[in-house]
Amino acid sequence: MIKDVIEELRKFSDRLTEWYPPAKREDIEEFEQSLGVTLPEDFKEFLMVTNGFEMMCDMVFGIKNRQEGLYEVYRVEHNELYAKMPHHLIPFCPDGAGNHYCFDNNNDNVVVFWEFDLAAYYQDRHEEYECEVVYPNFEAFAQEVLIDWTLQLVNYDGEDI
């Protein structure tokens, strides 16, 4: 359950994490309605605890109260870049190299990995780019990317392994 993931994230030192004030349910609903998308339930629960989250170099976008929130990232990725994301993808976590983990609204909101360079390559060839499904849901993503990968580098107190 996402509550278990959140409890485990709370074990990490405050030096490693940044938690934001919870999102309001109406802000989440407004985001979904304004863009015609649906966020997965486990992600909505996460946002109701922290409307954006950072740990070491990893970031999960919140709806509002962040300079780089879901609205802004969605707008840029879908409208301003050379290889535009299709409408059904909702970017929620950057990898630091121009790529994003996204929810796929056309596929039960599984988590896919959008590779910008690969998308541009397919676009140049006038072919459709299909993202790789990497996690079945946000909970699995958070467990591996935020928790497991961090614990390969440091312990909960932030000391090197």
Protein backbone atom coordinates (compact mmCIF):
# COMPACT_ATOMS: atom_id res chain seq x y z
CA MET A 1 0.00 0.00 0.00
CA ILE A 2 1.12 3.56 -0.65
CA LYS A 3 0.78 4.28 3.09
CA ASP A 4 3.56 1.76 3.76
CA VAL A 5 5.78 3.47 1.17
CA ILE A 6 5.11 6.85 2.77
CA GLU A 7 5.94 5.44 6.21
CA GLU A 8 9.23 4.11 4.88
CA LEU A 9 10.05 7.43 3.19
CA ARG A 10 9.50 9.14 6.55
CA LYS A 11 12.32 6.98 8.00
CA PHE A 12 14.85 8.93 5.94
CA SER A 13 16.64 11.81 7.61
CA ASP A 14 15.22 15.30 7.08
CA ARG A 15 18.63 16.14 5.59
CA LEU A 16 17.77 13.87 2.66
CA THR A 17 14.11 14.69 2.07
CA GLU A 18 11.90 17.65 1.45
CA TRP A 19 8.18 17.24 2.10
CA TYR A 20 5.70 19.86 0.92
CA PRO A 21 2.33 20.79 2.44
CA PRO A 22 -0.44 18.40 1.38
CA ALA A 23 -2.44 19.03 -1.77
CA LYS A 24 -6.10 19.85 -1.48
CA ARG A 25 -8.50 17.38 -3.07
CA GLU A 26 -10.07 20.24 -5.06
CA ASP A 27 -6.64 21.14 -6.53
CA ILE A 28 -6.18 17.55 -7.68
CA GLU A 29 -9.67 17.47 -9.20
CA GLU A 30 -9.09 20.83 -10.89
CA PHE A 31 -5.84 19.54 -12.42
CA GLU A 32 -7.58 16.43 -13.78
CA GLN A 33 -10.57 18.34 -15.13
CA SER A 34 -8.57 21.16 -16.70
CA LEU A 35 -6.35 18.75 -18.64
CA GLY A 36 -8.88 15.96 -19.19
CA VAL A 37 -6.69 13.37 -17.47
CA THR A 38 -6.99 11.07 -14.47
CA LEU A 39 -4.25 10.65 -11.90
CA PRO A 40 -3.88 7.22 -10.28
CA GLU A 41 -5.38 6.78 -6.82
CA ASP A 42 -2.07 5.89 -5.14
CA PHE A 43 -0.50 9.07 -6.51
CA LYS A 44 -3.46 11.15 -5.32
CA GLU A 45 -3.01 9.66 -1.84
CA PHE A 46 0.68 10.60 -2.00
CA LEU A 47 -0.19 14.18 -3.00
CA MET A 48 -2.61 14.40 -0.07
CA VAL A 49 0.42 13.77 2.17
CA THR A 50 3.01 15.80 0.27
CA ASN A 51 2.27 18.03 -2.71
CA GLY A 52 5.71 17.45 -4.19
CA PHE A 53 8.62 15.51 -2.77
CA GLU A 54 12.40 15.57 -3.08
CA MET A 55 14.99 13.11 -1.87
CA MET A 56 18.62 13.58 -2.78
CA CYS A 57 18.46 14.00 -6.58
CA ASP A 58 14.96 12.59 -7.09
CA MET A 59 11.90 14.80 -7.42
CA VAL A 60 8.19 14.03 -7.65
CA PHE A 61 6.13 16.95 -8.89
CA GLY A 62 3.18 18.26 -6.92
CA ILE A 63 0.09 19.99 -8.31
CA LYS A 64 0.89 23.44 -6.98
CA ASN A 65 3.31 25.21 -4.59
CA ARG A 66 6.39 24.24 -6.61
CA GLN A 67 8.07 26.20 -9.32
CA GLU A 68 8.07 23.03 -11.39
CA GLY A 69 4.64 21.61 -10.68
CA LEU A 70 2.58 19.18 -12.72
CA TYR A 71 0.79 21.98 -14.58
CA GLU A 72 3.99 23.60 -15.81
CA VAL A 73 5.78 20.38 -16.70
CA TYR A 74 2.70 19.05 -18.51
CA ARG A 75 2.39 22.31 -20.48
CA VAL A 76 6.06 22.36 -21.51
CA GLU A 77 6.32 18.66 -22.37
CA HIS A 78 3.11 18.66 -24.42
CA ASN A 79 3.36 22.03 -26.16
CA GLU A 80 6.83 23.53 -26.26
CA LEU A 81 9.36 20.82 -26.98
CA TYR A 82 10.38 19.39 -30.34
CA ALA A 83 9.22 15.89 -29.49
CA LYS A 84 5.91 16.59 -27.79
CA MET A 85 4.41 14.06 -25.39
CA PRO A 86 1.04 12.65 -26.33
CA HIS A 87 -1.90 13.94 -24.28
CA HIS A 88 -2.37 10.67 -22.38
CA LEU A 89 1.07 10.82 -20.72
CA ILE A 90 1.39 12.73 -17.43
CA PRO A 91 5.02 13.43 -16.49
CA PHE A 92 5.52 13.29 -12.73
CA CYS A 93 9.24 12.65 -12.15
CA PRO A 94 12.23 13.84 -14.21
CA ASP A 95 15.37 11.75 -14.54
CA GLY A 96 17.65 14.80 -14.83
CA ALA A 97 18.49 14.17 -18.50
CA GLY A 98 15.33 15.44 -20.21
CA ASN A 99 13.37 12.22 -19.76
CA HIS A 100 10.41 11.59 -17.44
CA TYR A 101 8.55 8.89 -15.64
CA CYS A 102 4.92 9.33 -16.66
CA PHE A 103 1.48 7.93 -15.96
CA ASP A 104 -0.13 6.47 -19.08
CA ASN A 105 -3.82 7.37 -19.04
CA ASN A 106 -4.40 5.03 -22.00
CA ASN A 107 -3.03 2.01 -20.10
CA ASP A 108 -4.47 1.95 -16.54
CA ASN A 109 -2.01 4.65 -15.43
CA VAL A 110 0.97 2.31 -15.49
CA VAL A 111 4.29 4.12 -15.13
CA VAL A 112 6.18 4.50 -18.41
CA PHE A 113 9.56 6.00 -19.15
CA TRP A 114 9.51 8.79 -21.77
CA GLU A 115 12.89 9.09 -23.47
CA PHE A 116 13.01 12.45 -25.20
CA ASP A 117 15.83 11.60 -27.64
CA LEU A 118 14.15 8.37 -28.67
CA ALA A 119 10.81 10.16 -29.13
CA ALA A 120 12.55 12.77 -31.33
CA TYR A 121 14.19 10.00 -33.38
CA TYR A 122 10.82 8.35 -34.05
CA GLN A 123 9.21 11.70 -34.79
CA ASP A 124 11.89 12.46 -37.40
CA ARG A 125 11.11 9.11 -39.04
CA HIS A 126 7.34 9.84 -38.89
CA GLU A 127 6.86 6.78 -36.73
CA GLU A 128 5.02 6.39 -33.45
CA TYR A 129 7.11 6.14 -30.30
CA GLU A 130 5.78 3.81 -27.62
CA CYS A 131 7.21 4.25 -24.14
CA GLU A 132 8.44 1.33 -22.14
CA VAL A 133 6.23 0.30 -19.23
CA VAL A 134 8.54 0.28 -16.20
CA TYR A 135 6.22 -0.05 -13.18
CA PRO A 136 2.62 -1.22 -12.74
CA ASN A 137 1.76 1.75 -10.49
CA PHE A 138 3.13 4.73 -8.55
CA GLU A 139 3.60 2.66 -5.40
CA ALA A 140 6.01 0.26 -7.17
CA PHE A 141 7.84 3.22 -8.70
CA ALA A 142 8.25 4.95 -5.33
CA GLN A 143 9.39 1.75 -3.63
CA GLU A 144 12.15 1.08 -6.13
CA VAL A 145 13.25 4.51 -7.38
CA LEU A 146 12.84 6.55 -4.22
CA ILE A 147 13.52 3.97 -1.53
CA ASP A 148 15.46 0.98 -2.87
CA TRP A 149 17.81 2.95 -5.13
CA THR A 150 18.51 5.47 -2.34
CA LEU A 151 19.27 2.67 0.12
CA GLN A 152 21.88 1.35 -2.33
CA LEU A 153 23.80 4.60 -1.78
CA VAL A 154 23.06 5.70 1.78
CA ASN A 155 21.29 4.49 4.90
CA TYR A 156 18.23 6.20 6.39
CA ASP A 157 20.46 8.70 8.19
CA GLY A 158 22.21 9.69 4.95
CA GLU A 159 25.51 7.96 5.72
CA ASP A 160 27.24 6.31 2.76
CA ILE A 161 26.90 2.57 2.48
